[in-house]
Amino acid sequence: MSKSGKNYTKEKITQRNLVEKKKNHPVRLFIKSWDFWGKSFLSFFIFIPIVYFLSDSGTKHILIIIYSCICIPLLPFAKKCSDDIFLHYFSKDIFDEYINGGGAKGGGVLYLMVLIPLIIPLAIGYFVYQIKKYRK
């Protein structure tokens, strides 16, 4: 049916626009990207062994196990937030060379060690920023 048809009303247009806007939410787009899945596998490789090795003495290390279980799904969002912050202050070449690059001068392991205690605040900050940015 053409746009000038009787059933093509403003309500249908606004409803279609709302559905399109909902599909293009930045968090949804990030979850559909390969970057999210790579960071998710990184979180599995970091936290699943921690949970496995500490599960034998679960009563002593219950807080570390709980924190690790919370951080598994939140690490991709926290890493995306911290990557965006670093890319704001440094160029992509420097970021790729020193943080994402391997070798002796690469700081990826140190970067992850600093990131692990800050996962929950960074992930919450990422969600709040994206929601405020989306509503504008």
C-alpha atoms as a PDB file:
ATOM      1  CA  MET A   1       0.000   0.000   0.000  1.00  0.00           C
ATOM      2  CA  SER A   2       1.279   3.425  -0.786  1.00  0.00           C
ATOM      3  CA  LYS A   3       2.074   6.051   1.799  1.00  0.00           C
ATOM      4  CA  SER A   4      -0.951   8.073   0.766  1.00  0.00           C
ATOM      5  CA  GLY A   5      -3.281   5.167   1.543  1.00  0.00           C
ATOM      6  CA  LYS A   6      -6.124   5.282   4.020  1.00  0.00           C
ATOM      7  CA  ASN A   7      -4.506   2.928   6.547  1.00  0.00           C
ATOM      8  CA  TYR A   8      -1.135   4.642   6.480  1.00  0.00           C
ATOM      9  CA  THR A   9      -1.572   7.010   9.396  1.00  0.00           C
ATOM     10  CA  LYS A  10       0.757   9.076  11.493  1.00  0.00           C
ATOM     11  CA  GLU A  11       0.410   6.564  14.325  1.00  0.00           C
ATOM     12  CA  LYS A  12       1.797   3.783  12.145  1.00  0.00           C
ATOM     13  CA  ILE A  13       4.663   5.998  11.048  1.00  0.00           C
ATOM     14  CA  THR A  14       5.582   6.878  14.634  1.00  0.00           C
ATOM     15  CA  GLN A  15       5.227   3.242  15.694  1.00  0.00           C
ATOM     16  CA  ARG A  16       7.568   2.126  12.889  1.00  0.00           C
ATOM     17  CA  ASN A  17      10.061   4.846  13.838  1.00  0.00           C
ATOM     18  CA  LEU A  18      10.017   3.699  17.475  1.00  0.00           C
ATOM     19  CA  VAL A  19      10.707   0.106  16.415  1.00  0.00           C
ATOM     20  CA  GLU A  20      13.603   1.264  14.211  1.00  0.00           C
ATOM     21  CA  LYS A  21      15.013   3.403  17.003  1.00  0.00           C
ATOM     22  CA  LYS A  22      14.768   0.490  19.444  1.00  0.00           C
ATOM     23  CA  LYS A  23      16.665  -1.756  17.020  1.00  0.00           C
ATOM     24  CA  ASN A  24      19.466   0.807  16.709  1.00  0.00           C
ATOM     25  CA  HIS A  25      20.157   1.176  20.440  1.00  0.00           C
ATOM     26  CA  PRO A  26      23.958   1.368  20.966  1.00  0.00           C
ATOM     27  CA  VAL A  27      23.993  -1.451  23.532  1.00  0.00           C
ATOM     28  CA  ARG A  28      22.077  -3.745  21.169  1.00  0.00           C
ATOM     29  CA  LEU A  29      24.419  -2.890  18.316  1.00  0.00           C
ATOM     30  CA  PHE A  30      27.441  -3.614  20.539  1.00  0.00           C
ATOM     31  CA  ILE A  31      26.016  -6.990  21.589  1.00  0.00           C
ATOM     32  CA  LYS A  32      25.518  -7.935  17.921  1.00  0.00           C
ATOM     33  CA  SER A  33      29.119  -7.042  17.033  1.00  0.00           C
ATOM     34  CA  TRP A  34      32.099  -9.395  16.911  1.00  0.00           C
ATOM     35  CA  ASP A  35      33.904  -7.116  19.349  1.00  0.00           C
ATOM     36  CA  PHE A  36      31.425  -8.069  22.066  1.00  0.00           C
ATOM     37  CA  TRP A  37      31.868 -11.778  21.446  1.00  0.00           C
ATOM     38  CA  GLY A  38      35.662 -11.496  21.524  1.00  0.00           C
ATOM     39  CA  LYS A  39      35.547  -9.643  24.824  1.00  0.00           C
ATOM     40  CA  SER A  40      33.064 -12.200  26.171  1.00  0.00           C
ATOM     41  CA  PHE A  41      35.449 -15.056  25.399  1.00  0.00           C
ATOM     42  CA  LEU A  42      38.214 -13.075  27.088  1.00  0.00           C
ATOM     43  CA  SER A  43      36.078 -12.834  30.221  1.00  0.00           C
ATOM     44  CA  PHE A  44      35.431 -16.577  30.113  1.00  0.00           C
ATOM     45  CA  PHE A  45      39.158 -17.308  29.821  1.00  0.00           C
ATOM     46  CA  ILE A  46      39.937 -15.010  32.746  1.00  0.00           C
ATOM     47  CA  PHE A  47      37.178 -15.743  35.256  1.00  0.00           C
ATOM     48  CA  ILE A  48      36.127 -19.368  34.684  1.00  0.00           C
ATOM     49  CA  PRO A  49      39.554 -20.713  35.791  1.00  0.00           C
ATOM     50  CA  ILE A  50      39.431 -18.450  38.856  1.00  0.00           C
ATOM     51  CA  VAL A  51      36.025 -19.812  39.821  1.00  0.00           C
ATOM     52  CA  TYR A  52      37.152 -23.389  39.128  1.00  0.00           C
ATOM     53  CA  PHE A  53      40.322 -23.235  41.204  1.00  0.00           C
ATOM     54  CA  LEU A  54      38.694 -21.423  44.116  1.00  0.00           C
ATOM     55  CA  SER A  55      35.611 -23.651  44.199  1.00  0.00           C
ATOM     56  CA  ASP A  56      37.412 -26.337  46.229  1.00  0.00           C
ATOM     57  CA  SER A  57      37.655 -23.978  49.182  1.00  0.00           C
ATOM     58  CA  GLY A  58      34.454 -22.094  48.434  1.00  0.00           C
ATOM     59  CA  THR A  59      33.748 -21.000  51.985  1.00  0.00           C
ATOM     60  CA  LYS A  60      37.045 -19.134  52.252  1.00  0.00           C
ATOM     61  CA  HIS A  61      36.846 -17.411  48.880  1.00  0.00           C
ATOM     62  CA  ILE A  62      33.108 -16.970  48.421  1.00  0.00           C
ATOM     63  CA  LEU A  63      33.365 -13.217  47.787  1.00  0.00           C
ATOM     64  CA  ILE A  64      35.961 -13.686  45.044  1.00  0.00           C
ATOM     65  CA  ILE A  65      33.809 -16.375  43.422  1.00  0.00           C
ATOM     66  CA  ILE A  66      30.713 -14.155  43.546  1.00  0.00           C
ATOM     67  CA  TYR A  67      32.637 -11.183  42.149  1.00  0.00           C
ATOM     68  CA  SER A  68      34.027 -13.360  39.348  1.00  0.00           C
ATOM     69  CA  CYS A  69      30.558 -14.637  38.451  1.00  0.00           C
ATOM     70  CA  ILE A  70      29.234 -11.072  38.320  1.00  0.00           C
ATOM     71  CA  CYS A  71      32.183  -9.910  36.209  1.00  0.00           C
ATOM     72  CA  ILE A  72      31.843 -12.579  33.508  1.00  0.00           C
ATOM     73  CA  PRO A  73      28.929 -10.884  31.687  1.00  0.00           C
ATOM     74  CA  LEU A  74      30.033  -7.330  32.587  1.00  0.00           C
ATOM     75  CA  LEU A  75      33.644  -7.446  31.340  1.00  0.00           C
ATOM     76  CA  PRO A  76      32.798  -6.749  27.658  1.00  0.00           C
ATOM     77  CA  PHE A  77      30.934  -3.576  28.608  1.00  0.00           C
ATOM     78  CA  ALA A  78      33.614  -2.414  31.045  1.00  0.00           C
ATOM     79  CA  LYS A  79      36.383  -3.052  28.517  1.00  0.00           C
ATOM     80  CA  LYS A  80      34.433  -1.200  25.824  1.00  0.00           C
ATOM     81  CA  CYS A  81      34.004   1.756  28.199  1.00  0.00           C
ATOM     82  CA  SER A  82      37.679   1.853  29.153  1.00  0.00           C
ATOM     83  CA  ASP A  83      38.742   1.423  25.513  1.00  0.00           C
ATOM     84  CA  ASP A  84      36.540   4.353  24.528  1.00  0.00           C
ATOM     85  CA  ILE A  85      38.031   6.467  27.327  1.00  0.00           C
ATOM     86  CA  PHE A  86      41.599   5.629  26.292  1.00  0.00           C
ATOM     87  CA  LEU A  87      40.852   6.182  22.605  1.00  0.00           C
ATOM     88  CA  HIS A  88      39.492   9.612  23.498  1.00  0.00           C
ATOM     89  CA  TYR A  89      42.867  10.624  24.982  1.00  0.00           C
ATOM     90  CA  PHE A  90      45.284   8.610  22.805  1.00  0.00           C
ATOM     91  CA  SER A  91      45.449   7.802  19.118  1.00  0.00           C
ATOM     92  CA  LYS A  92      44.343   4.427  17.778  1.00  0.00           C
ATOM     93  CA  ASP A  93      47.923   3.567  16.726  1.00  0.00           C
ATOM     94  CA  ILE A  94      49.321   4.107  20.225  1.00  0.00           C
ATOM     95  CA  PHE A  95      46.419   2.191  21.762  1.00  0.00           C
ATOM     96  CA  ASP A  96      46.888  -0.759  19.393  1.00  0.00           C
ATOM     97  CA  GLU A  97      50.654  -0.785  19.866  1.00  0.00           C
ATOM     98  CA  TYR A  98      50.878  -0.588  23.659  1.00  0.00           C
ATOM     99  CA  ILE A  99      47.639  -2.080  24.958  1.00  0.00           C
ATOM    100  CA  ASN A 100      46.343  -4.461  22.313  1.00  0.00           C
ATOM    101  CA  GLY A 101      49.783  -5.357  20.993  1.00  0.00           C
ATOM    102  CA  GLY A 102      51.700  -8.252  22.445  1.00  0.00           C
ATOM    103  CA  GLY A 103      55.337  -8.518  23.242  1.00  0.00           C
ATOM    104  CA  ALA A 104      57.566  -6.987  25.882  1.00  0.00           C
ATOM    105  CA  LYS A 105      56.386  -3.415  25.501  1.00  0.00           C
ATOM    106  CA  GLY A 106      52.692  -4.296  25.253  1.00  0.00           C
ATOM    107  CA  GLY A 107      50.734  -3.386  28.365  1.00  0.00           C
ATOM    108  CA  GLY A 108      47.688  -5.559  27.807  1.00  0.00           C
ATOM    109  CA  VAL A 109      48.176  -7.712  30.898  1.00  0.00           C
ATOM    110  CA  LEU A 110      48.739  -4.681  33.119  1.00  0.00           C
ATOM    111  CA  TYR A 111      45.696  -3.053  31.506  1.00  0.00           C
ATOM    112  CA  LEU A 112      43.539  -6.067  32.396  1.00  0.00           C
ATOM    113  CA  MET A 113      44.913  -6.206  35.938  1.00  0.00           C
ATOM    114  CA  VAL A 114      43.921  -2.584  36.473  1.00  0.00           C
ATOM    115  CA  LEU A 115      40.570  -3.166  34.778  1.00  0.00           C
ATOM    116  CA  ILE A 116      39.461  -6.181  36.853  1.00  0.00           C
ATOM    117  CA  PRO A 117      38.725  -4.295  40.107  1.00  0.00           C
ATOM    118  CA  LEU A 118      36.914  -1.562  38.162  1.00  0.00           C
ATOM    119  CA  ILE A 119      34.612  -3.790  36.096  1.00  0.00           C
ATOM    120  CA  ILE A 120      31.350  -3.072  37.904  1.00  0.00           C
ATOM    121  CA  PRO A 121      31.689   0.752  38.013  1.00  0.00           C
ATOM    122  CA  LEU A 122      32.869   0.907  34.398  1.00  0.00           C
ATOM    123  CA  ALA A 123      30.016  -1.299  33.160  1.00  0.00           C
ATOM    124  CA  ILE A 124      27.446   0.767  35.064  1.00  0.00           C
ATOM    125  CA  GLY A 125      29.008   3.937  33.664  1.00  0.00           C
ATOM    126  CA  TYR A 126      28.852   2.506  30.143  1.00  0.00           C
ATOM    127  CA  PHE A 127      25.156   1.679  30.482  1.00  0.00           C
ATOM    128  CA  VAL A 128      24.279   5.081  31.984  1.00  0.00           C
ATOM    129  CA  TYR A 129      26.237   6.934  29.294  1.00  0.00           C
ATOM    130  CA  GLN A 130      24.649   4.977  26.445  1.00  0.00           C
ATOM    131  CA  ILE A 131      21.127   5.418  27.845  1.00  0.00           C
ATOM    132  CA  LYS A 132      21.586   9.185  28.246  1.00  0.00           C
ATOM    133  CA  LYS A 133      23.169   9.443  24.802  1.00  0.00           C
ATOM    134  CA  TYR A 134      20.336   7.398  23.269  1.00  0.00           C
ATOM    135  CA  ARG A 135      17.578   9.511  24.814  1.00  0.00           C
ATOM    136  CA  LYS A 136      18.931  12.755  23.349  1.00  0.00           C
END
